[in-house]
Amino acid sequence: MATGLDPKLAKAYTNRGNAYDGKREYDKAIADYTEAVRLDPKFAVAYYNRGNAYEDKAEYDKAIADYTEAIRFNPNDFRPYYNRGVAYRQKGENARAKADFAEAKRLGCKE
């Protein structure tokens, strides 16, 4: 595995996190995404993916925090806006959800 060859490759941790996420092993996925963020604090994809794992665990505040970081480092990606909107909606914060969905749509989201 790539992490054994070069543990400083944030992308390798993200890829392994994706594998864990696909198996619904969310805690292991979160651990790998966290390591990726530690290695590359501006790695928007790692924040986004960790947000997804937190959302899958219904930890919406943590998901929102990670989506917000993903947006900070890649503001032109509609996906974290959309998913943050979903998390806000789950929390009953409909005005925030609506704003994020509108921004996602403006950036090209088709949903």
Protein backbone atom coordinates (compact mmCIF):
# COMPACT_ATOMS: atom_id res chain seq x y z
CA MET A 1 0.00 0.00 0.00
CA ALA A 2 1.19 3.51 -0.78
CA THR A 3 1.03 4.63 2.85
CA GLY A 4 3.75 2.11 3.68
CA LEU A 5 5.98 3.50 0.96
CA ASP A 6 5.64 7.18 1.78
CA PRO A 7 3.48 8.11 4.78
CA LYS A 8 3.58 11.78 3.84
CA LEU A 9 1.38 11.29 0.82
CA ALA A 10 -1.88 12.86 1.92
CA LYS A 11 -3.57 11.54 -1.20
CA ALA A 12 -2.73 7.96 -0.24
CA TYR A 13 -4.46 8.39 3.12
CA THR A 14 -7.43 9.95 1.36
CA ASN A 15 -7.63 7.03 -1.07
CA ARG A 16 -7.50 4.51 1.75
CA GLY A 17 -10.11 6.55 3.60
CA ASN A 18 -12.31 6.29 0.52
CA ALA A 19 -11.95 2.50 0.61
CA TYR A 20 -12.96 2.40 4.28
CA ASP A 21 -15.85 4.77 3.58
CA GLY A 22 -17.05 2.48 0.80
CA LYS A 23 -17.10 -0.37 3.31
CA ARG A 24 -19.00 1.86 5.78
CA GLU A 25 -16.07 1.76 8.19
CA TYR A 26 -16.52 5.45 8.91
CA ASP A 27 -14.25 5.73 11.94
CA LYS A 28 -11.32 4.26 10.01
CA ALA A 29 -12.12 6.53 7.06
CA ILE A 30 -12.22 9.57 9.33
CA ALA A 31 -8.86 8.60 10.84
CA ASP A 32 -7.28 8.43 7.39
CA TYR A 33 -8.85 11.70 6.23
CA THR A 34 -7.64 13.33 9.43
CA GLU A 35 -4.11 12.14 8.71
CA ALA A 36 -4.37 13.49 5.17
CA VAL A 37 -5.42 16.88 6.55
CA ARG A 38 -2.56 16.80 9.05
CA LEU A 39 -0.11 16.17 6.23
CA ASP A 40 -1.68 18.73 3.88
CA PRO A 41 -3.85 21.25 5.79
CA LYS A 42 -5.12 22.77 2.53
CA PHE A 43 -6.26 19.49 0.93
CA ALA A 44 -9.89 20.33 0.17
CA VAL A 45 -10.78 16.81 -0.96
CA ALA A 46 -9.76 15.33 2.39
CA TYR A 47 -12.00 17.79 4.24
CA TYR A 48 -14.86 17.10 1.86
CA ASN A 49 -14.54 13.33 2.18
CA ARG A 50 -14.23 13.50 5.95
CA GLY A 51 -17.34 15.66 5.98
CA ASN A 52 -19.16 12.96 4.05
CA ALA A 53 -18.08 10.33 6.58
CA TYR A 54 -19.24 12.51 9.46
CA GLU A 55 -22.53 13.09 7.67
CA ASP A 56 -22.97 9.35 7.25
CA LYS A 57 -22.57 9.06 11.04
CA ALA A 58 -25.16 11.84 11.54
CA GLU A 59 -22.47 14.07 13.10
CA TYR A 60 -23.75 17.10 11.26
CA ASP A 61 -21.80 19.82 13.07
CA LYS A 62 -18.51 18.09 12.28
CA ALA A 63 -19.63 17.54 8.69
CA ILE A 64 -20.53 21.21 8.32
CA ALA A 65 -17.16 22.27 9.72
CA ASP A 66 -15.34 20.06 7.20
CA TYR A 67 -17.46 21.19 4.27
CA THR A 68 -16.74 24.77 5.26
CA GLU A 69 -12.99 24.06 5.18
CA ALA A 70 -13.33 22.35 1.79
CA ILE A 71 -15.11 25.46 0.51
CA ARG A 72 -12.39 27.70 1.94
CA PHE A 73 -9.70 25.86 -0.02
CA ASN A 74 -11.73 25.23 -3.18
CA PRO A 75 -14.63 27.71 -3.37
CA ASN A 76 -15.55 26.76 -6.94
CA ASP A 77 -16.52 23.16 -6.18
CA PHE A 78 -20.30 22.86 -5.82
CA ARG A 79 -20.19 19.54 -3.95
CA PRO A 80 -19.28 20.83 -0.47
CA TYR A 81 -21.94 23.54 -0.75
CA TYR A 82 -24.54 20.97 -1.69
CA ASN A 83 -23.56 18.51 1.03
CA ARG A 84 -23.33 21.26 3.63
CA GLY A 85 -26.85 22.22 2.61
CA VAL A 86 -27.96 18.66 3.23
CA ALA A 87 -26.35 18.69 6.68
CA TYR A 88 -27.97 22.02 7.52
CA ARG A 89 -31.33 20.65 6.38
CA GLN A 90 -30.86 17.61 8.63
CA LYS A 91 -30.34 20.02 11.53
CA GLY A 92 -33.47 21.98 10.61
CA GLU A 93 -31.48 25.05 9.55
CA ASN A 94 -33.48 25.51 6.37
CA ALA A 95 -32.41 29.06 5.51
CA ARG A 96 -28.74 28.03 5.57
CA ALA A 97 -29.54 24.91 3.58
CA LYS A 98 -31.38 26.95 0.96
CA ALA A 99 -28.45 29.37 0.63
CA ASP A 100 -25.98 26.52 0.15
CA PHE A 101 -28.21 24.78 -2.40
CA ALA A 102 -28.49 28.05 -4.34
CA GLU A 103 -24.72 28.47 -4.35
CA ALA A 104 -24.24 24.86 -5.43
CA LYS A 105 -26.65 25.43 -8.30
CA ARG A 106 -24.88 28.65 -9.29
CA LEU A 107 -21.62 26.70 -9.45
CA GLY A 108 -23.08 24.03 -11.71
CA CYS A 109 -24.91 21.50 -9.55
CA LYS A 110 -27.74 19.94 -11.56
CA GLU A 111 -29.76 18.67 -8.57
